Amino acid sequence: MIARHWKGVAHKEKATSYLKHLEEDTFSVLKGVEGFIDVHVLKREVDSGIEFIVISTWQSMDVIEGFAGDDIDKAVVPDVAKDMLLSYDKHVNHYEIALSAIN
């Protein structure tokens, strides 16, 4: 399994709208991708706004390529989301999941 990590900082007044966008738009697309497993969104307040880390889990790099395209390291950030963000990673990081525990 592969974990895909991405980070962005939203305007404080747009953070709730950004979460709504993720839940209603992005997550609905992800749920339709065979081989997508799950996604978690972490948040914290920083001086400039609200920082989000999005961690999605996938069955393989091939599945990610089907979602992200040929350049799987390029972040997929739609224009509507860009308008809510102060800054964001242009590239993502991929990690092979070496160990996990579920309670």
PDB file of N, CA and C in Angstrom:
ATOM      1  N   MET A   1       0.839  -1.184   0.000  1.00  0.00           N
ATOM      2  CA  MET A   1       0.000   0.000   0.000  1.00  0.00           C
ATOM      3  C   MET A   1       0.879   1.241   0.000  1.00  0.00           C
ATOM      4  N   ILE A   2       0.326   2.302  -0.544  1.00  0.00           N
ATOM      5  CA  ILE A   2       1.049   3.563  -0.681  1.00  0.00           C
ATOM      6  C   ILE A   2       0.267   4.678   0.007  1.00  0.00           C
ATOM      7  N   ALA A   3       0.967   5.513   0.769  1.00  0.00           N
ATOM      8  CA  ALA A   3       0.382   6.716   1.361  1.00  0.00           C
ATOM      9  C   ALA A   3       0.868   7.915   0.562  1.00  0.00           C
ATOM     10  N   ARG A   4      -0.062   8.770   0.187  1.00  0.00           N
ATOM     11  CA  ARG A   4       0.228   9.977  -0.603  1.00  0.00           C
ATOM     12  C   ARG A   4      -0.006  11.175   0.313  1.00  0.00           C
ATOM     13  N   HIS A   5       1.030  11.995   0.523  1.00  0.00           N
ATOM     14  CA  HIS A   5       0.968  13.132   1.458  1.00  0.00           C
ATOM     15  C   HIS A   5       1.057  14.451   0.699  1.00  0.00           C
ATOM     16  N   TRP A   6       0.217  15.398   1.110  1.00  0.00           N
ATOM     17  CA  TRP A   6       0.189  16.734   0.511  1.00  0.00           C
ATOM     18  C   TRP A   6      -0.153  17.731   1.606  1.00  0.00           C
ATOM     19  N   LYS A   7       0.374  18.950   1.487  1.00  0.00           N
ATOM     20  CA  LYS A   7       0.142  19.978   2.508  1.00  0.00           C
ATOM     21  C   LYS A   7      -0.220  21.299   1.854  1.00  0.00           C
ATOM     22  N   GLY A   8      -1.151  22.019   2.484  1.00  0.00           N
ATOM     23  CA  GLY A   8      -1.516  23.355   2.047  1.00  0.00           C
ATOM     24  C   GLY A   8      -1.970  24.187   3.228  1.00  0.00           C
ATOM     25  N   VAL A   9      -1.944  25.508   3.049  1.00  0.00           N
ATOM     26  CA  VAL A   9      -2.401  26.429   4.094  1.00  0.00           C
ATOM     27  C   VAL A   9      -3.545  27.256   3.524  1.00  0.00           C
ATOM     28  N   ALA A  10      -4.699  27.178   4.198  1.00  0.00           N
ATOM     29  CA  ALA A  10      -5.886  27.920   3.774  1.00  0.00           C
ATOM     30  C   ALA A  10      -5.990  29.233   4.535  1.00  0.00           C
ATOM     31  N   HIS A  11      -6.623  30.212   3.898  1.00  0.00           N
ATOM     32  CA  HIS A  11      -7.007  31.431   4.599  1.00  0.00           C
ATOM     33  C   HIS A  11      -7.892  31.011   5.781  1.00  0.00           C
ATOM     34  N   LYS A  12      -7.719  31.629   6.936  1.00  0.00           N
ATOM     35  CA  LYS A  12      -8.509  31.247   8.113  1.00  0.00           C
ATOM     36  C   LYS A  12     -10.003  31.309   7.829  1.00  0.00           C
ATOM     37  N   GLU A  13     -10.443  32.350   7.137  1.00  0.00           N
ATOM     38  CA  GLU A  13     -11.868  32.514   6.869  1.00  0.00           C
ATOM     39  C   GLU A  13     -12.383  31.565   5.783  1.00  0.00           C
ATOM     40  N   LYS A  14     -11.474  30.871   5.100  1.00  0.00           N
ATOM     41  CA  LYS A  14     -11.889  29.938   4.042  1.00  0.00           C
ATOM     42  C   LYS A  14     -11.635  28.477   4.405  1.00  0.00           C
ATOM     43  N   ALA A  15     -11.151  28.224   5.612  1.00  0.00           N
ATOM     44  CA  ALA A  15     -10.799  26.857   6.017  1.00  0.00           C
ATOM     45  C   ALA A  15     -12.022  25.934   6.035  1.00  0.00           C
ATOM     46  N   THR A  16     -13.142  26.404   6.545  1.00  0.00           N
ATOM     47  CA  THR A  16     -14.355  25.584   6.575  1.00  0.00           C
ATOM     48  C   THR A  16     -14.833  25.282   5.157  1.00  0.00           C
ATOM     49  N   SER A  17     -14.772  26.266   4.289  1.00  0.00           N
ATOM     50  CA  SER A  17     -15.156  26.057   2.890  1.00  0.00           C
ATOM     51  C   SER A  17     -14.223  25.070   2.208  1.00  0.00           C
ATOM     52  N   TYR A  18     -12.950  25.115   2.549  1.00  0.00           N
ATOM     53  CA  TYR A  18     -12.004  24.176   1.965  1.00  0.00           C
ATOM     54  C   TYR A  18     -12.327  22.746   2.401  1.00  0.00           C
ATOM     55  N   LEU A  19     -12.627  22.552   3.671  1.00  0.00           N
ATOM     56  CA  LEU A  19     -13.013  21.224   4.145  1.00  0.00           C
ATOM     57  C   LEU A  19     -14.284  20.735   3.453  1.00  0.00           C
ATOM     58  N   LYS A  20     -15.223  21.638   3.265  1.00  0.00           N
ATOM     59  CA  LYS A  20     -16.462  21.283   2.562  1.00  0.00           C
ATOM     60  C   LYS A  20     -16.155  20.865   1.128  1.00  0.00           C
ATOM     61  N   HIS A  21     -15.264  21.601   0.464  1.00  0.00           N
ATOM     62  CA  HIS A  21     -14.848  21.235  -0.897  1.00  0.00           C
ATOM     63  C   HIS A  21     -14.242  19.835  -0.916  1.00  0.00           C
ATOM     64  N   LEU A  22     -13.352  19.562   0.028  1.00  0.00           N
ATOM     65  CA  LEU A  22     -12.740  18.232   0.075  1.00  0.00           C
ATOM     66  C   LEU A  22     -13.806  17.161   0.235  1.00  0.00           C
ATOM     67  N   GLU A  23     -14.688  17.360   1.192  1.00  0.00           N
ATOM     68  CA  GLU A  23     -15.693  16.345   1.501  1.00  0.00           C
ATOM     69  C   GLU A  23     -16.673  16.133   0.348  1.00  0.00           C
ATOM     70  N   GLU A  24     -17.158  17.212  -0.245  1.00  0.00           N
ATOM     71  CA  GLU A  24     -18.210  17.096  -1.255  1.00  0.00           C
ATOM     72  C   GLU A  24     -17.684  16.843  -2.663  1.00  0.00           C
ATOM     73  N   ASP A  25     -16.535  17.391  -2.991  1.00  0.00           N
ATOM     74  CA  ASP A  25     -16.026  17.270  -4.358  1.00  0.00           C
ATOM     75  C   ASP A  25     -14.903  16.240  -4.467  1.00  0.00           C
ATOM     76  N   THR A  26     -13.822  16.478  -3.752  1.00  0.00           N
ATOM     77  CA  THR A  26     -12.648  15.614  -3.877  1.00  0.00           C
ATOM     78  C   THR A  26     -12.930  14.197  -3.411  1.00  0.00           C
ATOM     79  N   PHE A  27     -13.524  14.060  -2.250  1.00  0.00           N
ATOM     80  CA  PHE A  27     -13.752  12.719  -1.703  1.00  0.00           C
ATOM     81  C   PHE A  27     -14.718  11.916  -2.561  1.00  0.00           C
ATOM     82  N   SER A  28     -15.702  12.572  -3.157  1.00  0.00           N
ATOM     83  CA  SER A  28     -16.640  11.840  -4.017  1.00  0.00           C
ATOM     84  C   SER A  28     -15.919  11.288  -5.246  1.00  0.00           C
ATOM     85  N   VAL A  29     -14.934  12.017  -5.755  1.00  0.00           N
ATOM     86  CA  VAL A  29     -14.133  11.513  -6.880  1.00  0.00           C
ATOM     87  C   VAL A  29     -13.270  10.348  -6.414  1.00  0.00           C
ATOM     88  N   LEU A  30     -12.590  10.523  -5.292  1.00  0.00           N
ATOM     89  CA  LEU A  30     -11.708   9.468  -4.791  1.00  0.00           C
ATOM     90  C   LEU A  30     -12.462   8.167  -4.529  1.00  0.00           C
ATOM     91  N   LYS A  31     -13.649   8.259  -3.969  1.00  0.00           N
ATOM     92  CA  LYS A  31     -14.430   7.058  -3.658  1.00  0.00           C
ATOM     93  C   LYS A  31     -14.778   6.262  -4.905  1.00  0.00           C
ATOM     94  N   GLY A  32     -14.757   6.917  -6.060  1.00  0.00           N
ATOM     95  CA  GLY A  32     -15.052   6.237  -7.317  1.00  0.00           C
ATOM     96  C   GLY A  32     -13.842   5.607  -7.979  1.00  0.00           C
ATOM     97  N   VAL A  33     -12.658   5.769  -7.396  1.00  0.00           N
ATOM     98  CA  VAL A  33     -11.430   5.227  -7.980  1.00  0.00           C
ATOM     99  C   VAL A  33     -11.161   3.851  -7.369  1.00  0.00           C
ATOM    100  N   GLU A  34     -11.198   2.836  -8.215  1.00  0.00           N
ATOM    101  CA  GLU A  34     -10.906   1.486  -7.736  1.00  0.00           C
ATOM    102  C   GLU A  34      -9.446   1.418  -7.306  1.00  0.00           C
ATOM    103  N   GLY A  35      -9.200   0.989  -6.086  1.00  0.00           N
ATOM    104  CA  GLY A  35      -7.848   0.930  -5.554  1.00  0.00           C
ATOM    105  C   GLY A  35      -7.542   2.048  -4.574  1.00  0.00           C
ATOM    106  N   PHE A  36      -8.448   3.037  -4.483  1.00  0.00           N
ATOM    107  CA  PHE A  36      -8.352   4.052  -3.431  1.00  0.00           C
ATOM    108  C   PHE A  36      -8.843   3.401  -2.148  1.00  0.00           C
ATOM    109  N   ILE A  37      -8.121   3.608  -1.041  1.00  0.00           N
ATOM    110  CA  ILE A  37      -8.490   2.965   0.222  1.00  0.00           C
ATOM    111  C   ILE A  37      -9.156   3.951   1.184  1.00  0.00           C
ATOM    112  N   ASP A  38      -8.446   5.014   1.545  1.00  0.00           N
ATOM    113  CA  ASP A  38      -9.030   5.986   2.461  1.00  0.00           C
ATOM    114  C   ASP A  38      -8.247   7.286   2.405  1.00  0.00           C
ATOM    115  N   VAL A  39      -8.756   8.276   3.136  1.00  0.00           N
ATOM    116  CA  VAL A  39      -8.091   9.575   3.200  1.00  0.00           C
ATOM    117  C   VAL A  39      -8.333  10.175   4.581  1.00  0.00           C
ATOM    118  N   HIS A  40      -7.312  10.855   5.087  1.00  0.00           N
ATOM    119  CA  HIS A  40      -7.397  11.553   6.366  1.00  0.00           C
ATOM    120  C   HIS A  40      -6.911  12.982   6.146  1.00  0.00           C
ATOM    121  N   VAL A  41      -7.578  13.926   6.781  1.00  0.00           N
ATOM    122  CA  VAL A  41      -7.187  15.329   6.693  1.00  0.00           C
ATOM    123  C   VAL A  41      -6.834  15.798   8.097  1.00  0.00           C
ATOM    124  N   LEU A  42      -5.601  16.244   8.254  1.00  0.00           N
ATOM    125  CA  LEU A  42      -5.128  16.782   9.525  1.00  0.00           C
ATOM    126  C   LEU A  42      -5.130  18.305   9.406  1.00  0.00           C
ATOM    127  N   LYS A  43      -5.376  18.995  10.511  1.00  0.00           N
ATOM    128  CA  LYS A  43      -5.350  20.464  10.456  1.00  0.00           C
ATOM    129  C   LYS A  43      -4.774  21.026  11.735  1.00  0.00           C
ATOM    130  N   ARG A  44      -4.205  22.211  11.589  1.00  0.00           N
ATOM    131  CA  ARG A  44      -3.727  22.960  12.751  1.00  0.00           C
ATOM    132  C   ARG A  44      -3.644  24.430  12.355  1.00  0.00           C
ATOM    133  N   GLU A  45      -3.793  25.276  13.364  1.00  0.00           N
ATOM    134  CA  GLU A  45      -3.672  26.705  13.123  1.00  0.00           C
ATOM    135  C   GLU A  45      -2.193  27.076  13.097  1.00  0.00           C
ATOM    136  N   VAL A  46      -1.814  27.866  12.106  1.00  0.00           N
ATOM    137  CA  VAL A  46      -0.469  28.422  12.004  1.00  0.00           C
ATOM    138  C   VAL A  46      -0.610  29.937  11.879  1.00  0.00           C
ATOM    139  N   ASP A  47       0.489  30.651  11.965  1.00  0.00           N
ATOM    140  CA  ASP A  47       0.416  32.114  11.935  1.00  0.00           C
ATOM    141  C   ASP A  47      -0.313  32.648  10.706  1.00  0.00           C
ATOM    142  N   SER A  48      -0.094  32.028   9.550  1.00  0.00           N
ATOM    143  CA  SER A  48      -0.651  32.552   8.304  1.00  0.00           C
ATOM    144  C   SER A  48      -2.070  32.074   8.010  1.00  0.00           C
ATOM    145  N   GLY A  49      -2.539  31.016   8.672  1.00  0.00           N
ATOM    146  CA  GLY A  49      -3.873  30.494   8.375  1.00  0.00           C
ATOM    147  C   GLY A  49      -4.082  29.140   9.019  1.00  0.00           C
ATOM    148  N   ILE A  50      -4.761  28.251   8.299  1.00  0.00           N
ATOM    149  CA  ILE A  50      -5.018  26.888   8.775  1.00  0.00           C
ATOM    150  C   ILE A  50      -4.272  25.934   7.850  1.00  0.00           C
ATOM    151  N   GLU A  51      -3.349  25.186   8.432  1.00  0.00           N
ATOM    152  CA  GLU A  51      -2.564  24.228   7.659  1.00  0.00           C
ATOM    153  C   GLU A  51      -3.298  22.892   7.618  1.00  0.00           C
ATOM    154  N   PHE A  52      -3.351  22.306   6.433  1.00  0.00           N
ATOM    155  CA  PHE A  52      -3.948  20.999   6.240  1.00  0.00           C
ATOM    156  C   PHE A  52      -2.907  20.044   5.677  1.00  0.00           C
ATOM    157  N   ILE A  53      -2.897  18.836   6.184  1.00  0.00           N
ATOM    158  CA  ILE A  53      -2.128  17.753   5.589  1.00  0.00           C
ATOM    159  C   ILE A  53      -3.139  16.703   5.175  1.00  0.00           C
ATOM    160  N   VAL A  54      -3.099  16.339   3.900  1.00  0.00           N
ATOM    161  CA  VAL A  54      -4.009  15.337   3.366  1.00  0.00           C
ATOM    162  C   VAL A  54      -3.202  14.070   3.110  1.00  0.00           C
ATOM    163  N   ILE A  55      -3.621  12.984   3.746  1.00  0.00           N
ATOM    164  CA  ILE A  55      -2.943  11.696   3.600  1.00  0.00           C
ATOM    165  C   ILE A  55      -3.950  10.706   3.028  1.00  0.00           C
ATOM    166  N   SER A  56      -3.708  10.290   1.798  1.00  0.00           N
ATOM    167  CA  SER A  56      -4.581   9.294   1.180  1.00  0.00           C
ATOM    168  C   SER A  56      -3.822   7.987   1.036  1.00  0.00           C
ATOM    169  N   THR A  57      -4.566   6.891   1.093  1.00  0.00           N
ATOM    170  CA  THR A  57      -3.973   5.567   1.016  1.00  0.00           C
ATOM    171  C   THR A  57      -4.503   4.855  -0.226  1.00  0.00           C
ATOM    172  N   TRP A  58      -3.586   4.206  -0.927  1.00  0.00           N
ATOM    173  CA  TRP A  58      -3.884   3.584  -2.221  1.00  0.00           C
ATOM    174  C   TRP A  58      -3.303   2.181  -2.261  1.00  0.00           C
ATOM    175  N   GLN A  59      -3.884   1.339  -3.097  1.00  0.00           N
ATOM    176  CA  GLN A  59      -3.387  -0.031  -3.221  1.00  0.00           C
ATOM    177  C   GLN A  59      -2.029  -0.093  -3.906  1.00  0.00           C
ATOM    178  N   SER A  60      -1.770   0.823  -4.862  1.00  0.00           N
ATOM    179  CA  SER A  60      -0.509   0.756  -5.613  1.00  0.00           C
ATOM    180  C   SER A  60      -0.218   2.082  -6.299  1.00  0.00           C
ATOM    181  N   MET A  61       1.003   2.225  -6.793  1.00  0.00           N
ATOM    182  CA  MET A  61       1.386   3.418  -7.559  1.00  0.00           C
ATOM    183  C   MET A  61       0.618   3.463  -8.882  1.00  0.00           C
ATOM    184  N   ASP A  62       0.294   2.313  -9.446  1.00  0.00           N
ATOM    185  CA  ASP A  62      -0.488   2.278 -10.688  1.00  0.00           C
ATOM    186  C   ASP A  62      -1.867   2.891 -10.491  1.00  0.00           C
ATOM    187  N   VAL A  63      -2.478   2.619  -9.348  1.00  0.00           N
ATOM    188  CA  VAL A  63      -3.781   3.207  -9.044  1.00  0.00           C
ATOM    189  C   VAL A  63      -3.655   4.720  -8.932  1.00  0.00           C
ATOM    190  N   ILE A  64      -2.607   5.187  -8.278  1.00  0.00           N
ATOM    191  CA  ILE A  64      -2.382   6.631  -8.138  1.00  0.00           C
ATOM    192  C   ILE A  64      -2.201   7.265  -9.513  1.00  0.00           C
ATOM    193  N   GLU A  65      -1.471   6.605 -10.393  1.00  0.00           N
ATOM    194  CA  GLU A  65      -1.270   7.136 -11.748  1.00  0.00           C
ATOM    195  C   GLU A  65      -2.609   7.277 -12.476  1.00  0.00           C
ATOM    196  N   GLY A  66      -3.509   6.331 -12.254  1.00  0.00           N
ATOM    197  CA  GLY A  66      -4.832   6.427 -12.860  1.00  0.00           C
ATOM    198  C   GLY A  66      -5.604   7.642 -12.377  1.00  0.00           C
ATOM    199  N   PHE A  67      -5.361   8.050 -11.148  1.00  0.00           N
ATOM    200  CA  PHE A  67      -6.015   9.235 -10.589  1.00  0.00           C
ATOM    201  C   PHE A  67      -5.271  10.520 -10.957  1.00  0.00           C
ATOM    202  N   ALA A  68      -3.952  10.526 -10.769  1.00  0.00           N
ATOM    203  CA  ALA A  68      -3.159  11.760 -10.869  1.00  0.00           C
ATOM    204  C   ALA A  68      -2.576  12.011 -12.257  1.00  0.00           C
ATOM    205  N   GLY A  69      -2.506  10.981 -13.094  1.00  0.00           N
ATOM    206  CA  GLY A  69      -1.898  11.140 -14.404  1.00  0.00           C
ATOM    207  C   GLY A  69      -0.459  10.661 -14.411  1.00  0.00           C
ATOM    208  N   ASP A  70       0.217  10.887 -15.533  1.00  0.00           N
ATOM    209  CA  ASP A  70       1.575  10.374 -15.728  1.00  0.00           C
ATOM    210  C   ASP A  70       2.576  10.900 -14.696  1.00  0.00           C
ATOM    211  N   ASP A  71       2.439  12.168 -14.319  1.00  0.00           N
ATOM    212  CA  ASP A  71       3.342  12.751 -13.319  1.00  0.00           C
ATOM    213  C   ASP A  71       2.696  12.597 -11.948  1.00  0.00           C
ATOM    214  N   ILE A  72       2.871  11.412 -11.363  1.00  0.00           N
ATOM    215  CA  ILE A  72       2.166  11.118 -10.111  1.00  0.00           C
ATOM    216  C   ILE A  72       2.647  11.962  -8.938  1.00  0.00           C
ATOM    217  N   ASP A  73       3.807  12.598  -9.086  1.00  0.00           N
ATOM    218  CA  ASP A  73       4.325  13.441  -8.010  1.00  0.00           C
ATOM    219  C   ASP A  73       3.756  14.856  -8.047  1.00  0.00           C
ATOM    220  N   LYS A  74       3.037  15.192  -9.104  1.00  0.00           N
ATOM    221  CA  LYS A  74       2.430  16.517  -9.218  1.00  0.00           C
ATOM    222  C   LYS A  74       1.123  16.536  -8.424  1.00  0.00           C
ATOM    223  N   ALA A  75       0.941  17.553  -7.607  1.00  0.00           N
ATOM    224  CA  ALA A  75      -0.276  17.677  -6.803  1.00  0.00           C
ATOM    225  C   ALA A  75      -1.482  17.940  -7.698  1.00  0.00           C
ATOM    226  N   VAL A  76      -2.612  17.363  -7.323  1.00  0.00           N
ATOM    227  CA  VAL A  76      -3.873  17.594  -8.027  1.00  0.00           C
ATOM    228  C   VAL A  76      -4.654  18.613  -7.198  1.00  0.00           C
ATOM    229  N   VAL A  77      -4.608  19.875  -7.639  1.00  0.00           N
ATOM    230  CA  VAL A  77      -5.261  20.957  -6.895  1.00  0.00           C
ATOM    231  C   VAL A  77      -6.148  21.735  -7.870  1.00  0.00           C
ATOM    232  N   PRO A  78      -7.465  21.553  -7.808  1.00  0.00           N
ATOM    233  CA  PRO A  78      -8.346  22.271  -8.733  1.00  0.00           C
ATOM    234  C   PRO A  78      -8.367  23.769  -8.442  1.00  0.00           C
ATOM    235  N   ASP A  79      -8.746  24.540  -9.450  1.00  0.00           N
ATOM    236  CA  ASP A  79      -8.756  26.004  -9.321  1.00  0.00           C
ATOM    237  C   ASP A  79      -9.608  26.480  -8.154  1.00  0.00           C
ATOM    238  N   VAL A  80     -10.742  25.837  -7.924  1.00  0.00           N
ATOM    239  CA  VAL A  80     -11.608  26.257  -6.818  1.00  0.00           C
ATOM    240  C   VAL A  80     -10.877  26.152  -5.481  1.00  0.00           C
ATOM    241  N   ALA A  81     -10.042  25.138  -5.331  1.00  0.00           N
ATOM    242  CA  ALA A  81      -9.271  24.979  -4.094  1.00  0.00           C
ATOM    243  C   ALA A  81      -8.143  26.000  -4.022  1.00  0.00           C
ATOM    244  N   LYS A  82      -7.505  26.273  -5.144  1.00  0.00           N
ATOM    245  CA  LYS A  82      -6.404  27.249  -5.163  1.00  0.00           C
ATOM    246  C   LYS A  82      -6.856  28.601  -4.641  1.00  0.00           C
ATOM    247  N   ASP A  83      -8.111  28.968  -4.923  1.00  0.00           N
ATOM    248  CA  ASP A  83      -8.643  30.253  -4.458  1.00  0.00           C
ATOM    249  C   ASP A  83      -8.813  30.308  -2.945  1.00  0.00           C
ATOM    250  N   MET A  84      -8.864  29.152  -2.296  1.00  0.00           N
ATOM    251  CA  MET A  84      -9.043  29.109  -0.845  1.00  0.00           C
ATOM    252  C   MET A  84      -7.715  28.998  -0.096  1.00  0.00           C
ATOM    253  N   LEU A  85      -6.654  28.754  -0.833  1.00  0.00           N
ATOM    254  CA  LEU A  85      -5.367  28.461  -0.207  1.00  0.00           C
ATOM    255  C   LEU A  85      -4.393  29.624  -0.335  1.00  0.00           C
ATOM    256  N   LEU A  86      -3.647  29.877   0.720  1.00  0.00           N
ATOM    257  CA  LEU A  86      -2.557  30.853   0.705  1.00  0.00           C
ATOM    258  C   LEU A  86      -1.318  30.257   0.045  1.00  0.00           C
ATOM    259  N   SER A  87      -1.075  28.995   0.345  1.00  0.00           N
ATOM    260  CA  SER A  87       0.076  28.286  -0.214  1.00  0.00           C
ATOM    261  C   SER A  87      -0.240  26.798  -0.213  1.00  0.00           C
ATOM    262  N   TYR A  88       0.449  26.075  -1.075  1.00  0.00           N
ATOM    263  CA  TYR A  88       0.246  24.631  -1.118  1.00  0.00           C
ATOM    264  C   TYR A  88       1.420  23.982  -1.836  1.00  0.00           C
ATOM    265  N   ASP A  89       1.635  22.723  -1.498  1.00  0.00           N
ATOM    266  CA  ASP A  89       2.690  21.956  -2.156  1.00  0.00           C
ATOM    267  C   ASP A  89       2.304  21.708  -3.607  1.00  0.00           C
ATOM    268  N   LYS A  90       3.231  21.945  -4.492  1.00  0.00           N
ATOM    269  CA  LYS A  90       3.001  21.675  -5.918  1.00  0.00           C
ATOM    270  C   LYS A  90       3.234  20.198  -6.226  1.00  0.00           C
ATOM    271  N   HIS A  91       3.941  19.546  -5.325  1.00  0.00           N
ATOM    272  CA  HIS A  91       4.228  18.120  -5.472  1.00  0.00           C
ATOM    273  C   HIS A  91       3.850  17.381  -4.198  1.00  0.00           C
ATOM    274  N   VAL A  92       3.574  16.110  -4.347  1.00  0.00           N
ATOM    275  CA  VAL A  92       3.223  15.268  -3.216  1.00  0.00           C
ATOM    276  C   VAL A  92       4.374  14.323  -2.907  1.00  0.00           C
ATOM    277  N   ASN A  93       4.309  13.709  -1.750  1.00  0.00           N
ATOM    278  CA  ASN A  93       5.274  12.674  -1.372  1.00  0.00           C
ATOM    279  C   ASN A  93       4.533  11.355  -1.261  1.00  0.00           C
ATOM    280  N   HIS A  94       5.177  10.303  -1.733  1.00  0.00           N
ATOM    281  CA  HIS A  94       4.608   8.960  -1.643  1.00  0.00           C
ATOM    282  C   HIS A  94       5.475   8.113  -0.719  1.00  0.00           C
ATOM    283  N   TYR A  95       4.816   7.336   0.115  1.00  0.00           N
ATOM    284  CA  TYR A  95       5.505   6.466   1.056  1.00  0.00           C
ATOM    285  C   TYR A  95       4.904   5.069   0.963  1.00  0.00           C
ATOM    286  N   GLU A  96       5.748   4.074   0.912  1.00  0.00           N
ATOM    287  CA  GLU A  96       5.274   2.703   1.029  1.00  0.00           C
ATOM    288  C   GLU A  96       4.937   2.471   2.496  1.00  0.00           C
ATOM    289  N   ILE A  97       3.771   1.947   2.756  1.00  0.00           N
ATOM    290  CA  ILE A  97       3.378   1.675   4.132  1.00  0.00           C
ATOM    291  C   ILE A  97       4.103   0.408   4.583  1.00  0.00           C
ATOM    292  N   ALA A  98       4.982   0.583   5.549  1.00  0.00           N
ATOM    293  CA  ALA A  98       5.833  -0.521   6.009  1.00  0.00           C
ATOM    294  C   ALA A  98       5.212  -1.268   7.175  1.00  0.00           C
ATOM    295  N   LEU A  99       4.366  -0.567   7.949  1.00  0.00           N
ATOM    296  CA  LEU A  99       3.795  -1.174   9.142  1.00  0.00           C
ATOM    297  C   LEU A  99       2.553  -0.369   9.538  1.00  0.00           C
ATOM    298  N   SER A 100       1.528  -1.033   9.984  1.00  0.00           N
ATOM    299  CA  SER A 100       0.357  -0.319  10.479  1.00  0.00           C
ATOM    300  C   SER A 100      -0.332  -1.150  11.561  1.00  0.00           C
ATOM    301  N   ALA A 101      -1.140  -0.473  12.356  1.00  0.00           N
ATOM    302  CA  ALA A 101      -1.903  -1.146  13.398  1.00  0.00           C
ATOM    303  C   ALA A 101      -3.296  -0.529  13.436  1.00  0.00           C
ATOM    304  N   ILE A 102      -4.283  -1.376  13.573  1.00  0.00           N
ATOM    305  CA  ILE A 102      -5.655  -0.912  13.672  1.00  0.00           C
ATOM    306  C   ILE A 102      -6.239  -1.489  14.958  1.00  0.00           C
ATOM    307  N   ASN A 103      -6.874  -0.647  15.726  1.00  0.00           N
ATOM    308  CA  ASN A 103      -7.455  -1.090  16.994  1.00  0.00           C
ATOM    309  C   ASN A 103      -8.870  -1.561  16.777  1.00  0.00           C
TER     310      ASN A 103
END
